[in-house]
Amino acid sequence: MNSKVNWSEKVKKLDKKIRNEMGMESENETNHILIKVQTKSAEPIEPAFIIDEDETFLDLFVLSPHNGGITSTAVLKNNIQSIGVIGGVSTEKLESSETIDPTPLIDETSNLYQ
């Protein structure tokens, strides 16, 4: 049953709905939507973001709060009970002279909603 669910699209729609309800409407694309994945196991997978999905697997990057690393993992879609949006980070259009260091996007929590 869950193998037919397009979790990537559901997460994008949920993020957009939450942003609209919070008055955070923006023309900018949300590049990183942090999620919590509850599987049939006791422990949820969080914080994570979706990198790809097919009919069988949901591919995730899971952020590690202990060492600041990122772990790539795949979850069987049939084992997913629910997915919740933790927050999202928008990337605003910048002038070409400005540069972006992607590390603060992972470490910075003030731009996330919960």
N, C-alpha and C. Protein backbone atom coordinates (compact mmCIF):
# COMPACT_ATOMS: atom_id res chain seq x y z
N MET A 1 0.82 -1.19 0.00
CA MET A 1 0.00 0.00 0.00
C MET A 1 0.87 1.26 0.00
N ASN A 2 1.80 1.40 0.95
CA ASN A 2 2.66 2.58 1.02
C ASN A 2 3.60 2.70 -0.17
N SER A 3 3.82 1.59 -0.89
CA SER A 3 4.74 1.64 -2.02
C SER A 3 4.18 2.52 -3.14
N LYS A 4 2.89 2.76 -3.16
CA LYS A 4 2.28 3.61 -4.19
C LYS A 4 2.27 5.08 -3.79
N VAL A 5 2.55 5.38 -2.53
CA VAL A 5 2.54 6.76 -2.05
C VAL A 5 3.79 7.48 -2.55
N ASN A 6 3.60 8.67 -3.10
CA ASN A 6 4.73 9.50 -3.51
C ASN A 6 5.03 10.45 -2.34
N TRP A 7 5.94 9.99 -1.46
CA TRP A 7 6.24 10.75 -0.24
C TRP A 7 6.89 12.09 -0.55
N SER A 8 7.69 12.16 -1.59
CA SER A 8 8.34 13.43 -1.94
C SER A 8 7.30 14.51 -2.21
N GLU A 9 6.30 14.19 -3.00
CA GLU A 9 5.25 15.16 -3.32
C GLU A 9 4.40 15.49 -2.10
N LYS A 10 4.07 14.48 -1.28
CA LYS A 10 3.29 14.72 -0.07
C LYS A 10 4.02 15.66 0.89
N VAL A 11 5.33 15.47 1.05
CA VAL A 11 6.12 16.32 1.93
C VAL A 11 6.16 17.75 1.40
N LYS A 12 6.33 17.92 0.09
CA LYS A 12 6.36 19.27 -0.51
C LYS A 12 5.02 19.98 -0.30
N LYS A 13 3.92 19.27 -0.51
CA LYS A 13 2.60 19.86 -0.33
C LYS A 13 2.35 20.22 1.13
N LEU A 14 2.74 19.34 2.04
CA LEU A 14 2.57 19.61 3.46
C LEU A 14 3.40 20.81 3.90
N ASP A 15 4.64 20.89 3.42
CA ASP A 15 5.51 22.02 3.75
C ASP A 15 4.89 23.33 3.25
N LYS A 16 4.38 23.31 2.03
CA LYS A 16 3.77 24.52 1.46
C LYS A 16 2.54 24.93 2.26
N LYS A 17 1.73 23.95 2.64
CA LYS A 17 0.52 24.24 3.43
C LYS A 17 0.89 24.84 4.79
N ILE A 18 1.89 24.28 5.45
CA ILE A 18 2.32 24.80 6.75
C ILE A 18 2.84 26.22 6.60
N ARG A 19 3.67 26.46 5.58
CA ARG A 19 4.20 27.81 5.37
C ARG A 19 3.09 28.82 5.11
N ASN A 20 2.09 28.44 4.32
CA ASN A 20 0.97 29.34 4.05
C ASN A 20 0.20 29.65 5.32
N GLU A 21 -0.07 28.63 6.13
CA GLU A 21 -0.81 28.84 7.38
C GLU A 21 -0.04 29.70 8.37
N MET A 22 1.28 29.65 8.32
CA MET A 22 2.11 30.44 9.23
C MET A 22 2.41 31.84 8.67
N GLY A 23 1.91 32.12 7.47
CA GLY A 23 2.17 33.42 6.85
C GLY A 23 3.57 33.54 6.31
N MET A 24 4.18 32.42 6.00
CA MET A 24 5.55 32.42 5.47
C MET A 24 5.55 32.17 3.97
N GLU A 25 4.54 32.70 3.31
CA GLU A 25 4.43 32.49 1.87
C GLU A 25 5.63 33.13 1.18
N SER A 26 6.16 32.40 0.24
CA SER A 26 7.35 32.87 -0.44
C SER A 26 7.39 32.33 -1.85
N GLU A 27 8.02 33.08 -2.72
CA GLU A 27 8.21 32.61 -4.09
C GLU A 27 9.43 31.70 -4.19
N ASN A 28 10.22 31.66 -3.13
CA ASN A 28 11.44 30.87 -3.15
C ASN A 28 11.13 29.40 -2.96
N GLU A 29 11.88 28.58 -3.64
CA GLU A 29 11.75 27.13 -3.53
C GLU A 29 12.34 26.66 -2.20
N THR A 30 11.64 25.76 -1.51
CA THR A 30 12.17 25.16 -0.30
C THR A 30 13.09 24.04 -0.73
N ASN A 31 14.38 24.20 -0.48
CA ASN A 31 15.36 23.22 -0.95
C ASN A 31 15.53 22.05 -0.01
N HIS A 32 15.46 22.28 1.27
CA HIS A 32 15.70 21.23 2.25
C HIS A 32 14.51 21.18 3.20
N ILE A 33 13.74 20.11 3.12
CA ILE A 33 12.61 19.92 4.02
C ILE A 33 12.98 18.80 4.98
N LEU A 34 13.21 19.16 6.22
CA LEU A 34 13.57 18.16 7.22
C LEU A 34 12.32 17.41 7.66
N ILE A 35 12.45 16.10 7.75
CA ILE A 35 11.31 15.26 8.07
C ILE A 35 11.64 14.28 9.20
N LYS A 36 10.59 13.69 9.73
CA LYS A 36 10.68 12.62 10.72
C LYS A 36 9.92 11.44 10.11
N VAL A 37 10.59 10.31 9.97
CA VAL A 37 9.98 9.13 9.37
C VAL A 37 9.74 8.10 10.47
N GLN A 38 8.48 7.75 10.66
CA GLN A 38 8.13 6.71 11.62
C GLN A 38 7.89 5.41 10.84
N THR A 39 8.73 4.43 11.12
CA THR A 39 8.58 3.13 10.50
C THR A 39 7.96 2.18 11.52
N LYS A 40 7.88 0.92 11.17
CA LYS A 40 7.32 -0.08 12.08
C LYS A 40 8.22 -0.35 13.27
N SER A 41 9.46 0.16 13.24
CA SER A 41 10.35 0.02 14.39
C SER A 41 9.97 1.08 15.43
N ALA A 42 10.50 0.93 16.64
CA ALA A 42 10.15 1.84 17.73
C ALA A 42 10.73 3.23 17.55
N GLU A 43 11.95 3.33 17.03
CA GLU A 43 12.63 4.61 16.92
C GLU A 43 12.37 5.27 15.57
N PRO A 44 11.98 6.55 15.56
CA PRO A 44 11.82 7.25 14.29
C PRO A 44 13.17 7.62 13.68
N ILE A 45 13.17 7.89 12.42
CA ILE A 45 14.36 8.36 11.72
C ILE A 45 14.21 9.87 11.59
N GLU A 46 15.08 10.61 12.28
CA GLU A 46 15.00 12.07 12.25
C GLU A 46 16.29 12.70 12.73
N PRO A 47 16.58 13.91 12.37
CA PRO A 47 16.04 14.64 11.24
C PRO A 47 16.65 14.10 9.95
N ALA A 48 15.86 14.11 8.92
CA ALA A 48 16.29 13.58 7.63
C ALA A 48 15.65 14.38 6.51
N PHE A 49 16.18 14.22 5.32
CA PHE A 49 15.50 14.78 4.17
C PHE A 49 15.60 13.80 3.01
N ILE A 50 14.57 13.84 2.16
CA ILE A 50 14.45 12.91 1.04
C ILE A 50 15.40 13.31 -0.06
N ILE A 51 16.14 12.33 -0.58
CA ILE A 51 17.01 12.61 -1.72
C ILE A 51 16.51 11.93 -2.99
N ASP A 52 15.74 10.85 -2.84
CA ASP A 52 15.21 10.15 -4.02
C ASP A 52 14.18 9.14 -3.55
N GLU A 53 13.38 8.67 -4.47
CA GLU A 53 12.45 7.59 -4.15
C GLU A 53 12.05 6.88 -5.42
N ASP A 54 11.73 5.60 -5.25
CA ASP A 54 11.18 4.82 -6.34
C ASP A 54 9.99 4.04 -5.79
N GLU A 55 9.53 3.04 -6.48
CA GLU A 55 8.34 2.30 -6.03
C GLU A 55 8.58 1.52 -4.75
N THR A 56 9.83 1.17 -4.46
CA THR A 56 10.13 0.31 -3.32
C THR A 56 10.79 1.05 -2.16
N PHE A 57 11.72 1.96 -2.45
CA PHE A 57 12.53 2.59 -1.42
C PHE A 57 12.36 4.11 -1.38
N LEU A 58 12.53 4.65 -0.17
CA LEU A 58 12.64 6.09 0.05
C LEU A 58 14.08 6.31 0.50
N ASP A 59 14.87 7.02 -0.30
CA ASP A 59 16.27 7.29 0.01
C ASP A 59 16.37 8.59 0.79
N LEU A 60 17.09 8.52 1.92
CA LEU A 60 17.19 9.66 2.83
C LEU A 60 18.64 9.99 3.16
N PHE A 61 18.86 11.25 3.50
CA PHE A 61 20.06 11.67 4.21
C PHE A 61 19.60 11.95 5.64
N VAL A 62 20.20 11.28 6.60
CA VAL A 62 19.87 11.46 8.01
C VAL A 62 20.98 12.27 8.65
N LEU A 63 20.62 13.35 9.32
CA LEU A 63 21.60 14.22 9.97
C LEU A 63 21.91 13.68 11.35
N SER A 64 23.18 13.65 11.69
CA SER A 64 23.60 13.15 13.00
C SER A 64 23.89 14.33 13.92
N PRO A 65 23.16 14.43 15.04
CA PRO A 65 23.40 15.53 15.96
C PRO A 65 24.70 15.37 16.74
N HIS A 66 25.25 14.18 16.79
CA HIS A 66 26.44 13.92 17.61
C HIS A 66 27.74 14.33 16.93
N ASN A 67 27.91 13.97 15.67
CA ASN A 67 29.18 14.29 15.01
C ASN A 67 29.00 15.23 13.83
N GLY A 68 27.79 15.72 13.62
CA GLY A 68 27.55 16.66 12.54
C GLY A 68 27.61 16.03 11.16
N GLY A 69 27.61 14.71 11.09
CA GLY A 69 27.69 14.02 9.82
C GLY A 69 26.33 13.75 9.20
N ILE A 70 26.39 13.23 8.00
CA ILE A 70 25.20 12.86 7.26
C ILE A 70 25.34 11.40 6.87
N THR A 71 24.29 10.62 7.12
CA THR A 71 24.29 9.21 6.77
C THR A 71 23.23 8.97 5.70
N SER A 72 23.61 8.29 4.65
CA SER A 72 22.68 7.93 3.60
C SER A 72 22.01 6.62 3.99
N THR A 73 20.69 6.56 3.86
CA THR A 73 19.97 5.34 4.19
C THR A 73 18.77 5.19 3.26
N ALA A 74 18.30 3.97 3.13
CA ALA A 74 17.10 3.69 2.34
C ALA A 74 16.10 2.98 3.24
N VAL A 75 14.84 3.36 3.11
CA VAL A 75 13.77 2.78 3.90
C VAL A 75 12.79 2.10 2.95
N LEU A 76 12.40 0.88 3.28
CA LEU A 76 11.36 0.22 2.50
C LEU A 76 10.06 1.00 2.67
N LYS A 77 9.45 1.39 1.57
CA LYS A 77 8.23 2.20 1.66
C LYS A 77 7.10 1.46 2.36
N ASN A 78 7.08 0.14 2.27
CA ASN A 78 6.03 -0.64 2.95
C ASN A 78 6.18 -0.61 4.46
N ASN A 79 7.36 -0.24 4.97
CA ASN A 79 7.58 -0.16 6.42
C ASN A 79 7.27 1.21 7.00
N ILE A 80 6.96 2.18 6.16
CA ILE A 80 6.69 3.54 6.63
C ILE A 80 5.26 3.63 7.19
N GLN A 81 5.16 4.10 8.43
CA GLN A 81 3.84 4.33 9.04
C GLN A 81 3.39 5.77 8.84
N SER A 82 4.33 6.72 8.97
CA SER A 82 3.99 8.13 8.77
C SER A 82 5.26 8.94 8.54
N ILE A 83 5.05 10.10 7.96
CA ILE A 83 6.14 11.06 7.76
C ILE A 83 5.62 12.42 8.19
N GLY A 84 6.39 13.12 9.01
CA GLY A 84 6.03 14.45 9.45
C GLY A 84 7.09 15.46 9.05
N VAL A 85 6.65 16.67 8.79
CA VAL A 85 7.57 17.75 8.44
C VAL A 85 8.06 18.41 9.71
N ILE A 86 9.38 18.47 9.88
CA ILE A 86 9.99 19.14 11.02
C ILE A 86 10.19 20.62 10.69
N GLY A 87 10.66 20.89 9.49
CA GLY A 87 10.91 22.26 9.08
C GLY A 87 11.49 22.30 7.69
N GLY A 88 11.68 23.50 7.20
CA GLY A 88 12.23 23.67 5.87
C GLY A 88 13.13 24.87 5.82
N VAL A 89 14.05 24.85 4.90
CA VAL A 89 14.97 25.96 4.70
C VAL A 89 14.82 26.43 3.27
N SER A 90 14.48 27.71 3.10
CA SER A 90 14.36 28.28 1.77
C SER A 90 15.68 28.92 1.38
N THR A 91 15.97 28.87 0.11
CA THR A 91 17.14 29.56 -0.41
C THR A 91 16.64 30.73 -1.23
N GLU A 92 16.91 31.93 -0.73
CA GLU A 92 16.49 33.13 -1.45
C GLU A 92 17.45 33.39 -2.59
N LYS A 93 16.93 34.08 -3.62
CA LYS A 93 17.79 34.44 -4.74
C LYS A 93 18.82 35.47 -4.26
N LEU A 94 20.08 35.19 -4.56
CA LEU A 94 21.16 36.07 -4.15
C LEU A 94 21.82 36.68 -5.37
N GLU A 95 22.48 37.81 -5.15
CA GLU A 95 23.26 38.40 -6.23
C GLU A 95 24.46 37.51 -6.50
N SER A 96 24.98 37.55 -7.70
CA SER A 96 26.07 36.65 -8.07
C SER A 96 27.32 36.88 -7.24
N SER A 97 27.48 38.05 -6.61
CA SER A 97 28.66 38.32 -5.80
C SER A 97 28.59 37.64 -4.43
N GLU A 98 27.39 37.21 -4.01
CA GLU A 98 27.24 36.56 -2.72
C GLU A 98 27.46 35.06 -2.87
N THR A 99 28.04 34.46 -1.85
CA THR A 99 28.25 33.02 -1.87
C THR A 99 27.50 32.38 -0.72
N ILE A 100 27.19 31.10 -0.88
CA ILE A 100 26.48 30.36 0.14
C ILE A 100 27.35 29.22 0.62
N ASP A 101 27.52 29.13 1.93
CA ASP A 101 28.19 27.99 2.53
C ASP A 101 27.09 27.04 2.98
N PRO A 102 26.97 25.83 2.40
CA PRO A 102 25.86 24.94 2.73
C PRO A 102 25.89 24.40 4.15
N THR A 103 27.03 24.44 4.83
CA THR A 103 27.12 23.91 6.18
C THR A 103 26.15 24.58 7.14
N PRO A 104 26.01 25.92 7.13
CA PRO A 104 25.07 26.54 8.06
C PRO A 104 23.62 26.12 7.83
N LEU A 105 23.27 25.69 6.63
CA LEU A 105 21.90 25.24 6.38
C LEU A 105 21.56 24.05 7.27
N ILE A 106 22.55 23.21 7.51
CA ILE A 106 22.32 22.04 8.35
C ILE A 106 22.37 22.43 9.82
N ASP A 107 23.31 23.30 10.18
CA ASP A 107 23.50 23.67 11.58
C ASP A 107 22.51 24.72 12.06
N GLU A 108 22.02 25.56 11.19
CA GLU A 108 21.16 26.68 11.56
C GLU A 108 19.73 26.19 11.80
N THR A 109 19.22 26.43 12.98
CA THR A 109 17.86 26.00 13.28
C THR A 109 16.89 27.17 13.40
N SER A 110 17.39 28.39 13.38
CA SER A 110 16.49 29.53 13.54
C SER A 110 15.57 29.71 12.33
N ASN A 111 15.96 29.20 11.16
CA ASN A 111 15.12 29.32 9.97
C ASN A 111 14.15 28.16 9.82
N LEU A 112 14.14 27.25 10.77
CA LEU A 112 13.25 26.10 10.70
C LEU A 112 12.01 26.37 11.53
N TYR A 113 10.90 25.84 11.09
CA TYR A 113 9.71 25.89 11.92
C TYR A 113 9.47 24.49 12.46
N GLN A 114 8.87 24.42 13.62
CA GLN A 114 8.58 23.12 14.22
C GLN A 114 7.19 23.13 14.77
